[in-house]
Amino acid sequence: MMRFACQSRRLAARLWPLALVVLCAGLCFGPNTGLGQPAGETCIHFWRQGENSGFARIEGPKPVGTEWKQYEFSGVAPADAAVFCLALQFFGEAGNVWYDDAELSVDGKKLELPNPGFEEGMAHWVSRAAAAGAGKHEIDETVAHSGKRSGRIDATGGYYYWKPEGQFLAVKPGQKITARFWAKCSGR
């Protein structure tokens, strides 16, 4: 029994750094609501110049509820930040989340960014999944806060990056970024 306990401790010591890397990978993974309700999750990701992995983020609100509601959050770009983007996500046990009418401001100046409400489909948005098979993404032509379309995520682990012209947005350390968007959820 003692030998097994020592082996278990050694294995845990080897796996702990891997668990920490997964936890700190720079993706906006978050807990579900714990109530069996679908929930969105939002953040602003930051990257250093020339690096492929994000190194910091500003946590945003977690949209819930079946009615359209506007959300807003702000934060300051960290030291070493060179570029950023808005991430809109779904983490929950079942259901859907819709996003529409996003906007970003830097130091109080609204950025004129293309396709904030998915009216042009996926143009200027990149769909991503936290794991293989996660996060089914759709452009919904039947549900929208305004216009005729919204971005919908049907399975947990999916998210959208807003990347106008396929690029992250430039930022300087210390600049204040504000994000606004509309969202709603539904359960199954």
N, C-alpha and C. Protein backbone atom coordinates (compact mmCIF):
# COMPACT_ATOMS: atom_id res chain seq x y z
N MET A 1 0.82 -1.19 0.00
CA MET A 1 0.00 0.00 0.00
C MET A 1 0.87 1.26 0.00
N MET A 2 1.96 1.25 0.78
CA MET A 2 2.85 2.40 0.85
C MET A 2 3.50 2.68 -0.50
N ARG A 3 3.89 1.61 -1.22
CA ARG A 3 4.50 1.77 -2.55
C ARG A 3 3.52 2.44 -3.51
N PHE A 4 2.24 2.04 -3.47
CA PHE A 4 1.21 2.62 -4.33
C PHE A 4 1.05 4.11 -4.01
N ALA A 5 1.03 4.46 -2.73
CA ALA A 5 0.87 5.87 -2.33
C ALA A 5 2.04 6.70 -2.85
N CYS A 6 3.26 6.18 -2.75
CA CYS A 6 4.43 6.91 -3.26
C CYS A 6 4.34 7.10 -4.77
N GLN A 7 3.93 6.04 -5.48
CA GLN A 7 3.80 6.14 -6.93
C GLN A 7 2.72 7.15 -7.30
N SER A 8 1.63 7.17 -6.56
CA SER A 8 0.56 8.12 -6.83
C SER A 8 1.03 9.55 -6.63
N ARG A 9 1.82 9.79 -5.56
CA ARG A 9 2.34 11.13 -5.32
C ARG A 9 3.30 11.55 -6.42
N ARG A 10 4.15 10.62 -6.87
CA ARG A 10 5.07 10.95 -7.96
C ARG A 10 4.31 11.28 -9.24
N LEU A 11 3.28 10.48 -9.55
CA LEU A 11 2.48 10.73 -10.75
C LEU A 11 1.79 12.09 -10.64
N ALA A 12 1.22 12.37 -9.48
CA ALA A 12 0.55 13.67 -9.28
C ALA A 12 1.55 14.82 -9.43
N ALA A 13 2.77 14.63 -8.91
CA ALA A 13 3.79 15.68 -9.03
C ALA A 13 4.17 15.90 -10.48
N ARG A 14 4.17 14.83 -11.29
CA ARG A 14 4.49 14.97 -12.72
C ARG A 14 3.34 15.60 -13.48
N LEU A 15 2.11 15.29 -13.12
CA LEU A 15 0.95 15.79 -13.86
C LEU A 15 0.54 17.20 -13.44
N TRP A 16 0.88 17.61 -12.24
CA TRP A 16 0.47 18.92 -11.76
C TRP A 16 0.92 20.04 -12.69
N PRO A 17 2.19 20.07 -13.15
CA PRO A 17 2.56 21.16 -14.06
C PRO A 17 1.74 21.15 -15.35
N LEU A 18 1.39 19.97 -15.86
CA LEU A 18 0.56 19.88 -17.06
C LEU A 18 -0.82 20.46 -16.78
N ALA A 19 -1.39 20.14 -15.64
CA ALA A 19 -2.70 20.69 -15.28
C ALA A 19 -2.63 22.20 -15.18
N LEU A 20 -1.54 22.72 -14.64
CA LEU A 20 -1.39 24.17 -14.52
C LEU A 20 -1.28 24.82 -15.89
N VAL A 21 -0.56 24.20 -16.82
CA VAL A 21 -0.44 24.73 -18.17
C VAL A 21 -1.80 24.78 -18.84
N VAL A 22 -2.58 23.71 -18.70
CA VAL A 22 -3.92 23.68 -19.30
C VAL A 22 -4.79 24.77 -18.68
N LEU A 23 -4.70 24.93 -17.39
CA LEU A 23 -5.50 25.94 -16.71
C LEU A 23 -5.12 27.35 -17.13
N CYS A 24 -3.85 27.60 -17.38
CA CYS A 24 -3.35 28.94 -17.69
C CYS A 24 -3.08 29.12 -19.17
N ALA A 25 -3.70 28.37 -20.03
CA ALA A 25 -3.37 28.39 -21.46
C ALA A 25 -3.76 29.68 -22.15
N GLY A 26 -4.46 30.57 -21.49
CA GLY A 26 -4.82 31.83 -22.12
C GLY A 26 -6.15 31.76 -22.84
N LEU A 27 -6.86 30.63 -22.75
CA LEU A 27 -8.18 30.54 -23.35
C LEU A 27 -9.20 30.87 -22.29
N CYS A 28 -10.34 31.34 -22.71
CA CYS A 28 -11.36 31.76 -21.74
C CYS A 28 -12.23 30.61 -21.32
N PHE A 29 -11.65 29.52 -20.87
CA PHE A 29 -12.45 28.42 -20.38
C PHE A 29 -12.99 28.84 -19.03
N GLY A 30 -14.21 28.47 -18.74
CA GLY A 30 -14.76 28.86 -17.46
C GLY A 30 -15.71 27.81 -16.96
N PRO A 31 -16.06 27.90 -15.72
CA PRO A 31 -16.98 26.94 -15.17
C PRO A 31 -18.37 27.17 -15.74
N ASN A 32 -19.17 26.10 -15.78
CA ASN A 32 -20.55 26.35 -16.19
C ASN A 32 -21.28 26.96 -15.01
N THR A 33 -22.50 27.25 -15.20
CA THR A 33 -23.23 27.98 -14.16
C THR A 33 -23.48 27.14 -12.92
N GLY A 34 -23.35 25.81 -13.05
CA GLY A 34 -23.60 24.95 -11.91
C GLY A 34 -25.08 24.72 -11.68
N LEU A 35 -25.92 25.38 -12.43
CA LEU A 35 -27.36 25.24 -12.27
C LEU A 35 -27.99 24.52 -13.44
N GLY A 36 -27.18 23.96 -14.33
CA GLY A 36 -27.71 23.29 -15.50
C GLY A 36 -28.23 24.26 -16.54
N GLN A 37 -27.95 25.54 -16.38
CA GLN A 37 -28.42 26.55 -17.30
C GLN A 37 -27.33 26.89 -18.31
N PRO A 38 -27.73 27.17 -19.55
CA PRO A 38 -26.71 27.60 -20.51
C PRO A 38 -26.21 28.98 -20.11
N ALA A 39 -24.95 29.22 -20.41
CA ALA A 39 -24.37 30.52 -20.08
C ALA A 39 -23.31 30.89 -21.09
N GLY A 40 -23.25 32.15 -21.40
CA GLY A 40 -22.16 32.65 -22.23
C GLY A 40 -21.00 33.00 -21.33
N GLU A 41 -19.89 33.27 -21.95
CA GLU A 41 -18.74 33.77 -21.23
C GLU A 41 -17.98 34.65 -22.19
N THR A 42 -17.43 35.73 -21.71
CA THR A 42 -16.77 36.69 -22.58
C THR A 42 -15.45 37.14 -21.98
N CYS A 43 -14.54 37.55 -22.85
CA CYS A 43 -13.29 38.12 -22.38
C CYS A 43 -12.61 38.87 -23.53
N ILE A 44 -11.60 39.61 -23.18
CA ILE A 44 -10.72 40.23 -24.16
C ILE A 44 -9.37 39.57 -23.99
N HIS A 45 -8.87 38.95 -25.06
CA HIS A 45 -7.56 38.28 -25.07
C HIS A 45 -6.47 39.27 -25.49
N PHE A 46 -5.28 39.11 -24.93
CA PHE A 46 -4.12 39.91 -25.32
C PHE A 46 -2.98 39.00 -25.76
N TRP A 47 -2.23 39.46 -26.74
CA TRP A 47 -1.05 38.76 -27.23
C TRP A 47 0.14 39.71 -27.21
N ARG A 48 1.32 39.16 -27.00
CA ARG A 48 2.56 39.92 -27.15
C ARG A 48 2.93 39.93 -28.64
N GLN A 49 3.73 40.89 -29.03
CA GLN A 49 4.17 41.00 -30.42
C GLN A 49 4.85 39.70 -30.86
N GLY A 50 4.38 39.14 -31.97
CA GLY A 50 5.02 37.96 -32.56
C GLY A 50 4.72 36.64 -31.89
N GLU A 51 3.89 36.61 -30.86
CA GLU A 51 3.58 35.35 -30.18
C GLU A 51 2.23 34.82 -30.63
N ASN A 52 2.10 33.50 -30.68
CA ASN A 52 0.86 32.86 -31.14
C ASN A 52 -0.14 32.60 -30.03
N SER A 53 0.32 32.56 -28.80
CA SER A 53 -0.57 32.27 -27.67
C SER A 53 -0.82 33.53 -26.87
N GLY A 54 -2.08 33.70 -26.47
CA GLY A 54 -2.41 34.83 -25.62
C GLY A 54 -1.74 34.70 -24.27
N PHE A 55 -1.47 35.83 -23.62
CA PHE A 55 -0.80 35.79 -22.32
C PHE A 55 -1.62 36.43 -21.20
N ALA A 56 -2.68 37.12 -21.55
CA ALA A 56 -3.50 37.77 -20.52
C ALA A 56 -4.89 37.99 -21.07
N ARG A 57 -5.82 38.28 -20.17
CA ARG A 57 -7.18 38.56 -20.59
C ARG A 57 -7.90 39.40 -19.54
N ILE A 58 -8.94 40.07 -20.00
CA ILE A 58 -9.86 40.78 -19.13
C ILE A 58 -11.14 39.96 -19.13
N GLU A 59 -11.54 39.50 -17.97
CA GLU A 59 -12.77 38.71 -17.86
C GLU A 59 -13.98 39.61 -18.04
N GLY A 60 -14.94 39.14 -18.82
CA GLY A 60 -16.18 39.86 -19.02
C GLY A 60 -17.33 39.18 -18.32
N PRO A 61 -18.53 39.69 -18.54
CA PRO A 61 -19.71 39.11 -17.92
C PRO A 61 -20.06 37.75 -18.51
N LYS A 62 -20.85 37.01 -17.78
CA LYS A 62 -21.34 35.70 -18.23
C LYS A 62 -22.83 35.84 -18.54
N PRO A 63 -23.17 36.04 -19.82
CA PRO A 63 -24.58 36.22 -20.17
C PRO A 63 -25.44 35.01 -19.78
N VAL A 64 -26.60 35.28 -19.22
CA VAL A 64 -27.59 34.26 -18.90
C VAL A 64 -28.96 34.85 -19.18
N GLY A 65 -29.96 34.00 -19.26
CA GLY A 65 -31.32 34.47 -19.44
C GLY A 65 -31.80 34.34 -20.88
N THR A 66 -33.11 34.26 -21.03
CA THR A 66 -33.71 34.01 -22.34
C THR A 66 -34.09 35.29 -23.09
N GLU A 67 -33.92 36.44 -22.48
CA GLU A 67 -34.23 37.71 -23.14
C GLU A 67 -32.93 38.40 -23.55
N TRP A 68 -32.98 39.14 -24.66
CA TRP A 68 -31.82 39.91 -25.08
C TRP A 68 -31.46 40.92 -24.00
N LYS A 69 -30.18 41.01 -23.69
CA LYS A 69 -29.69 41.97 -22.70
C LYS A 69 -28.34 42.49 -23.18
N GLN A 70 -28.09 43.78 -22.97
CA GLN A 70 -26.80 44.34 -23.32
C GLN A 70 -25.83 44.19 -22.15
N TYR A 71 -24.62 43.81 -22.49
CA TYR A 71 -23.56 43.64 -21.50
C TYR A 71 -22.40 44.57 -21.85
N GLU A 72 -21.66 44.95 -20.82
CA GLU A 72 -20.50 45.83 -21.02
C GLU A 72 -19.43 45.49 -19.99
N PHE A 73 -18.19 45.56 -20.41
CA PHE A 73 -17.08 45.43 -19.47
C PHE A 73 -15.87 46.17 -20.00
N SER A 74 -14.97 46.54 -19.08
CA SER A 74 -13.79 47.33 -19.43
C SER A 74 -12.58 46.82 -18.67
N GLY A 75 -11.42 47.18 -19.18
CA GLY A 75 -10.18 46.86 -18.50
C GLY A 75 -9.03 47.56 -19.21
N VAL A 76 -7.86 47.45 -18.62
CA VAL A 76 -6.67 48.11 -19.14
C VAL A 76 -5.72 47.09 -19.74
N ALA A 77 -5.19 47.40 -20.91
CA ALA A 77 -4.24 46.51 -21.57
C ALA A 77 -2.99 46.36 -20.70
N PRO A 78 -2.55 45.13 -20.48
CA PRO A 78 -1.38 44.90 -19.61
C PRO A 78 -0.07 45.27 -20.30
N ALA A 79 0.99 45.36 -19.49
CA ALA A 79 2.34 45.58 -20.03
C ALA A 79 2.64 44.48 -21.04
N ASP A 80 3.34 44.81 -22.07
CA ASP A 80 3.74 43.88 -23.16
C ASP A 80 2.62 43.59 -24.15
N ALA A 81 1.40 44.07 -23.92
CA ALA A 81 0.32 43.81 -24.87
C ALA A 81 0.59 44.54 -26.18
N ALA A 82 0.40 43.81 -27.29
CA ALA A 82 0.58 44.42 -28.62
C ALA A 82 -0.71 44.37 -29.42
N VAL A 83 -1.49 43.29 -29.26
CA VAL A 83 -2.75 43.13 -29.98
C VAL A 83 -3.78 42.49 -29.06
N PHE A 84 -5.06 42.60 -29.46
CA PHE A 84 -6.14 42.01 -28.66
C PHE A 84 -7.30 41.65 -29.57
N CYS A 85 -8.25 40.90 -29.00
CA CYS A 85 -9.53 40.67 -29.66
C CYS A 85 -10.59 40.34 -28.62
N LEU A 86 -11.84 40.50 -29.01
CA LEU A 86 -12.98 40.14 -28.18
C LEU A 86 -13.32 38.68 -28.43
N ALA A 87 -13.56 37.92 -27.37
CA ALA A 87 -13.97 36.52 -27.48
C ALA A 87 -15.36 36.37 -26.86
N LEU A 88 -16.28 35.79 -27.62
CA LEU A 88 -17.65 35.52 -27.17
C LEU A 88 -17.82 34.01 -27.17
N GLN A 89 -18.28 33.43 -26.06
CA GLN A 89 -18.23 31.98 -25.88
C GLN A 89 -19.50 31.38 -25.30
N PHE A 90 -19.54 30.05 -25.28
CA PHE A 90 -20.62 29.32 -24.62
C PHE A 90 -20.04 28.22 -23.75
N PHE A 91 -20.37 28.26 -22.47
CA PHE A 91 -20.02 27.20 -21.54
C PHE A 91 -21.24 26.92 -20.68
N GLY A 92 -21.79 25.75 -20.79
CA GLY A 92 -22.95 25.36 -20.03
C GLY A 92 -23.21 23.90 -20.29
N GLU A 93 -24.21 23.35 -19.64
CA GLU A 93 -24.48 21.93 -19.80
C GLU A 93 -25.26 21.63 -21.06
N ALA A 94 -26.17 22.49 -21.45
CA ALA A 94 -26.97 22.26 -22.65
C ALA A 94 -27.60 23.59 -23.04
N GLY A 95 -27.97 23.70 -24.30
CA GLY A 95 -28.65 24.90 -24.74
C GLY A 95 -27.88 25.64 -25.80
N ASN A 96 -28.17 26.93 -25.91
CA ASN A 96 -27.57 27.78 -26.93
C ASN A 96 -27.29 29.15 -26.33
N VAL A 97 -26.39 29.87 -26.98
CA VAL A 97 -26.20 31.28 -26.67
C VAL A 97 -26.11 32.03 -28.01
N TRP A 98 -26.77 33.18 -28.07
CA TRP A 98 -26.73 34.05 -29.25
C TRP A 98 -26.00 35.33 -28.88
N TYR A 99 -25.20 35.84 -29.83
CA TYR A 99 -24.51 37.11 -29.66
C TYR A 99 -24.86 38.00 -30.84
N ASP A 100 -24.94 39.31 -30.58
CA ASP A 100 -25.27 40.26 -31.63
C ASP A 100 -24.75 41.65 -31.22
N ASP A 101 -24.58 42.50 -32.22
CA ASP A 101 -24.31 43.93 -32.03
C ASP A 101 -23.15 44.22 -31.08
N ALA A 102 -21.99 43.66 -31.37
CA ALA A 102 -20.80 43.91 -30.55
C ALA A 102 -20.16 45.24 -30.91
N GLU A 103 -19.47 45.83 -29.96
CA GLU A 103 -18.68 47.03 -30.25
C GLU A 103 -17.51 47.09 -29.29
N LEU A 104 -16.44 47.71 -29.76
CA LEU A 104 -15.23 47.89 -28.95
C LEU A 104 -14.82 49.35 -28.98
N SER A 105 -14.33 49.85 -27.84
CA SER A 105 -13.78 51.20 -27.74
C SER A 105 -12.41 51.10 -27.11
N VAL A 106 -11.50 51.97 -27.54
CA VAL A 106 -10.18 52.07 -26.94
C VAL A 106 -10.01 53.51 -26.48
N ASP A 107 -9.73 53.68 -25.20
CA ASP A 107 -9.62 55.00 -24.58
C ASP A 107 -10.82 55.89 -24.91
N GLY A 108 -12.02 55.31 -24.86
CA GLY A 108 -13.25 56.06 -25.07
C GLY A 108 -13.64 56.28 -26.52
N LYS A 109 -12.80 55.90 -27.47
CA LYS A 109 -13.11 56.09 -28.89
C LYS A 109 -13.61 54.78 -29.48
N LYS A 110 -14.85 54.82 -29.98
CA LYS A 110 -15.44 53.62 -30.57
C LYS A 110 -14.70 53.26 -31.86
N LEU A 111 -14.33 51.98 -31.97
CA LEU A 111 -13.68 51.49 -33.18
C LEU A 111 -14.76 51.15 -34.20
N GLU A 112 -14.59 51.60 -35.41
CA GLU A 112 -15.53 51.29 -36.48
C GLU A 112 -15.11 49.97 -37.10
N LEU A 113 -15.62 48.89 -36.56
CA LEU A 113 -15.23 47.55 -36.99
C LEU A 113 -16.33 46.91 -37.81
N PRO A 114 -15.96 46.10 -38.81
CA PRO A 114 -16.95 45.50 -39.70
C PRO A 114 -17.70 44.32 -39.06
N ASN A 115 -18.95 44.19 -39.49
CA ASN A 115 -19.81 43.04 -39.16
C ASN A 115 -20.00 42.79 -37.66
N PRO A 116 -20.37 43.81 -36.90
CA PRO A 116 -20.53 43.61 -35.46
C PRO A 116 -21.74 42.75 -35.08
N GLY A 117 -22.68 42.58 -36.02
CA GLY A 117 -23.89 41.83 -35.71
C GLY A 117 -24.11 40.60 -36.57
N PHE A 118 -23.06 40.09 -37.19
CA PHE A 118 -23.12 38.85 -37.99
C PHE A 118 -24.02 38.98 -39.22
N GLU A 119 -24.32 40.22 -39.64
CA GLU A 119 -25.17 40.40 -40.83
C GLU A 119 -24.48 39.89 -42.10
N GLU A 120 -23.16 39.88 -42.10
CA GLU A 120 -22.39 39.35 -43.24
C GLU A 120 -21.92 37.93 -42.97
N GLY A 121 -22.67 37.19 -42.17
CA GLY A 121 -22.28 35.83 -41.83
C GLY A 121 -21.04 35.84 -40.95
N MET A 122 -20.10 34.96 -41.26
CA MET A 122 -18.90 34.82 -40.45
C MET A 122 -17.78 35.79 -40.84
N ALA A 123 -18.02 36.65 -41.81
CA ALA A 123 -16.97 37.60 -42.21
C ALA A 123 -16.48 38.38 -40.99
N HIS A 124 -15.19 38.40 -40.77
CA HIS A 124 -14.51 39.12 -39.69
C HIS A 124 -14.64 38.45 -38.33
N TRP A 125 -15.22 37.26 -38.28
CA TRP A 125 -15.29 36.47 -37.05
C TRP A 125 -14.60 35.14 -37.31
N VAL A 126 -13.97 34.58 -36.31
CA VAL A 126 -13.33 33.27 -36.41
C VAL A 126 -13.96 32.38 -35.35
N SER A 127 -14.49 31.24 -35.78
CA SER A 127 -15.07 30.31 -34.80
C SER A 127 -13.98 29.37 -34.33
N ARG A 128 -13.98 29.10 -33.04
CA ARG A 128 -12.98 28.21 -32.44
C ARG A 128 -13.71 27.26 -31.50
N ALA A 129 -13.04 26.18 -31.15
CA ALA A 129 -13.59 25.23 -30.20
C ALA A 129 -12.53 24.90 -29.16
N ALA A 130 -12.97 24.76 -27.92
CA ALA A 130 -12.06 24.46 -26.82
C ALA A 130 -11.46 23.06 -26.96
N ALA A 131 -12.19 22.16 -27.60
CA ALA A 131 -11.72 20.79 -27.81
C ALA A 131 -12.38 20.25 -29.07
N ALA A 132 -11.82 19.19 -29.61
CA ALA A 132 -12.39 18.59 -30.82
C ALA A 132 -13.86 18.23 -30.57
N GLY A 133 -14.71 18.60 -31.50
CA GLY A 133 -16.13 18.29 -31.40
C GLY A 133 -16.92 19.24 -30.53
N ALA A 134 -16.29 20.22 -29.93
CA ALA A 134 -16.99 21.16 -29.06
C ALA A 134 -17.46 22.36 -29.86
N GLY A 135 -18.48 23.00 -29.38
CA GLY A 135 -18.89 24.28 -29.91
C GLY A 135 -19.37 24.31 -31.34
N LYS A 136 -20.61 23.92 -31.58
CA LYS A 136 -21.19 24.03 -32.92
C LYS A 136 -21.61 25.48 -33.16
N HIS A 137 -21.09 26.09 -34.22
CA HIS A 137 -21.33 27.50 -34.53
C HIS A 137 -22.27 27.63 -35.71
N GLU A 138 -23.20 28.57 -35.61
CA GLU A 138 -24.16 28.83 -36.70
C GLU A 138 -24.44 30.32 -36.79
N ILE A 139 -24.72 30.76 -38.00
CA ILE A 139 -25.29 32.10 -38.18
C ILE A 139 -26.79 31.89 -38.19
N ASP A 140 -27.47 32.46 -37.22
CA ASP A 140 -28.91 32.26 -37.08
C ASP A 140 -29.65 33.36 -37.84
N GLU A 141 -30.47 32.96 -38.79
CA GLU A 141 -31.24 33.92 -39.59
C GLU A 141 -32.68 34.05 -39.09
N THR A 142 -32.98 33.46 -37.94
CA THR A 142 -34.34 33.55 -37.38
C THR A 142 -34.37 34.30 -36.05
N VAL A 143 -33.22 34.47 -35.42
CA VAL A 143 -33.14 35.14 -34.12
C VAL A 143 -32.06 36.21 -34.20
N ALA A 144 -32.42 37.44 -33.86
CA ALA A 144 -31.44 38.52 -33.85
C ALA A 144 -31.91 39.62 -32.91
N HIS A 145 -30.96 40.32 -32.30
CA HIS A 145 -31.32 41.48 -31.51
C HIS A 145 -31.71 42.62 -32.43
N SER A 146 -30.92 42.83 -33.48
CA SER A 146 -31.24 43.82 -34.50
C SER A 146 -30.80 43.23 -35.84
N GLY A 147 -31.28 43.78 -36.92
CA GLY A 147 -30.95 43.22 -38.22
C GLY A 147 -31.64 41.88 -38.42
N LYS A 148 -31.02 41.01 -39.22
CA LYS A 148 -31.63 39.72 -39.55
C LYS A 148 -30.85 38.51 -39.08
N ARG A 149 -29.66 38.72 -38.48
CA ARG A 149 -28.80 37.59 -38.12
C ARG A 149 -28.14 37.81 -36.76
N SER A 150 -27.73 36.69 -36.18
CA SER A 150 -26.90 36.69 -34.97
C SER A 150 -25.95 35.51 -35.04
N GLY A 151 -24.93 35.53 -34.21
CA GLY A 151 -24.02 34.40 -34.09
C GLY A 151 -24.51 33.51 -32.96
N ARG A 152 -24.69 32.22 -33.26
CA ARG A 152 -25.21 31.27 -32.26
C ARG A 152 -24.17 30.17 -32.02
N ILE A 153 -24.04 29.76 -30.77
CA ILE A 153 -23.20 28.62 -30.42
C ILE A 153 -24.12 27.60 -29.74
N ASP A 154 -24.12 26.38 -30.29
CA ASP A 154 -25.06 25.35 -29.85
C ASP A 154 -24.48 24.31 -28.90
N ALA A 155 -23.22 24.33 -28.66
CA ALA A 155 -22.63 23.32 -27.78
C ALA A 155 -21.53 23.96 -26.95
N THR A 156 -21.40 23.48 -25.75
CA THR A 156 -20.41 24.03 -24.85
C THR A 156 -19.00 23.94 -25.42
N GLY A 157 -18.19 24.92 -25.14
CA GLY A 157 -16.81 24.92 -25.58
C GLY A 157 -16.54 25.68 -26.86
N GLY A 158 -17.56 26.29 -27.44
CA GLY A 158 -17.35 27.05 -28.66
C GLY A 158 -17.18 28.53 -28.36
N TYR A 159 -16.44 29.21 -29.23
CA TYR A 159 -16.30 30.65 -29.07
C TYR A 159 -15.98 31.32 -30.40
N TYR A 160 -16.27 32.61 -30.46
CA TYR A 160 -15.98 33.45 -31.61
C TYR A 160 -14.91 34.46 -31.23
N TYR A 161 -13.91 34.63 -32.10
CA TYR A 161 -12.97 35.73 -31.99
C TYR A 161 -13.39 36.77 -33.03
N TRP A 162 -13.44 38.04 -32.63
CA TRP A 162 -13.73 39.11 -33.58
C TRP A 162 -12.39 39.60 -34.12
N LYS A 163 -12.10 39.26 -35.36
CA LYS A 163 -10.82 39.60 -35.99
C LYS A 163 -11.09 40.30 -37.32
N PRO A 164 -11.34 41.62 -37.30
CA PRO A 164 -11.57 42.35 -38.54
C PRO A 164 -10.41 42.17 -39.53
N GLU A 165 -10.78 41.89 -40.76
CA GLU A 165 -9.79 41.65 -41.82
C GLU A 165 -8.84 40.51 -41.46
N GLY A 166 -9.28 39.60 -40.58
CA GLY A 166 -8.45 38.46 -40.19
C GLY A 166 -7.30 38.80 -39.27
N GLN A 167 -7.31 40.01 -38.70
CA GLN A 167 -6.20 40.47 -37.87
C GLN A 167 -6.68 40.80 -36.45
N PHE A 168 -5.79 40.60 -35.50
CA PHE A 168 -6.05 41.11 -34.16
C PHE A 168 -5.95 42.63 -34.20
N LEU A 169 -6.45 43.30 -33.19
CA LEU A 169 -6.45 44.76 -33.13
C LEU A 169 -5.26 45.26 -32.33
N ALA A 170 -4.62 46.31 -32.83
CA ALA A 170 -3.45 46.87 -32.16
C ALA A 170 -3.86 47.57 -30.86
N VAL A 171 -2.98 47.48 -29.87
CA VAL A 171 -3.22 48.12 -28.58
C VAL A 171 -1.87 48.46 -27.96
N LYS A 172 -1.88 49.47 -27.10
CA LYS A 172 -0.68 49.83 -26.34
C LYS A 172 -0.93 49.55 -24.86
N PRO A 173 0.08 49.11 -24.14
CA PRO A 173 -0.11 48.88 -22.70
C PRO A 173 -0.68 50.13 -22.02
N GLY A 174 -1.63 49.90 -21.13
CA GLY A 174 -2.24 51.00 -20.40
C GLY A 174 -3.50 51.57 -21.04
N GLN A 175 -3.78 51.22 -22.29
CA GLN A 175 -5.01 51.72 -22.91
C GLN A 175 -6.23 51.01 -22.32
N LYS A 176 -7.30 51.77 -22.14
CA LYS A 176 -8.55 51.21 -21.61
C LYS A 176 -9.39 50.69 -22.76
N ILE A 177 -9.81 49.44 -22.66
CA ILE A 177 -10.66 48.81 -23.67
C ILE A 177 -12.02 48.54 -23.06
N THR A 178 -13.06 48.90 -23.80
CA THR A 178 -14.43 48.65 -23.38
C THR A 178 -15.12 47.82 -24.46
N ALA A 179 -15.80 46.78 -24.04
CA ALA A 179 -16.56 45.93 -24.95
C ALA A 179 -18.04 45.99 -24.57
N ARG A 180 -18.89 46.05 -25.59
CA ARG A 180 -20.34 45.99 -25.41
C ARG A 180 -20.88 44.99 -26.42
N PHE A 181 -21.94 44.28 -26.03
CA PHE A 181 -22.58 43.32 -26.93
C PHE A 181 -23.94 42.96 -26.35
N TRP A 182 -24.77 42.37 -27.19
CA TRP A 182 -26.06 41.85 -26.77
C TRP A 182 -26.00 40.33 -26.78
N ALA A 183 -26.67 39.68 -25.83
CA ALA A 183 -26.66 38.23 -25.77
C ALA A 183 -27.94 37.72 -25.13
N LYS A 184 -28.25 36.46 -25.45
CA LYS A 184 -29.35 35.74 -24.78
C LYS A 184 -29.04 34.26 -24.85
N CYS A 185 -29.66 33.48 -23.99
CA CYS A 185 -29.44 32.04 -23.93
C CYS A 185 -30.77 31.30 -23.93
N SER A 186 -30.72 30.02 -24.26
CA SER A 186 -31.91 29.18 -24.10
C SER A 186 -31.46 27.79 -23.68
N GLY A 187 -32.27 27.12 -22.89
CA GLY A 187 -31.97 25.76 -22.46
C GLY A 187 -32.66 24.75 -23.35
N ARG A 188 -32.29 23.50 -23.17
CA ARG A 188 -32.92 22.41 -23.94
C ARG A 188 -33.76 21.56 -23.03
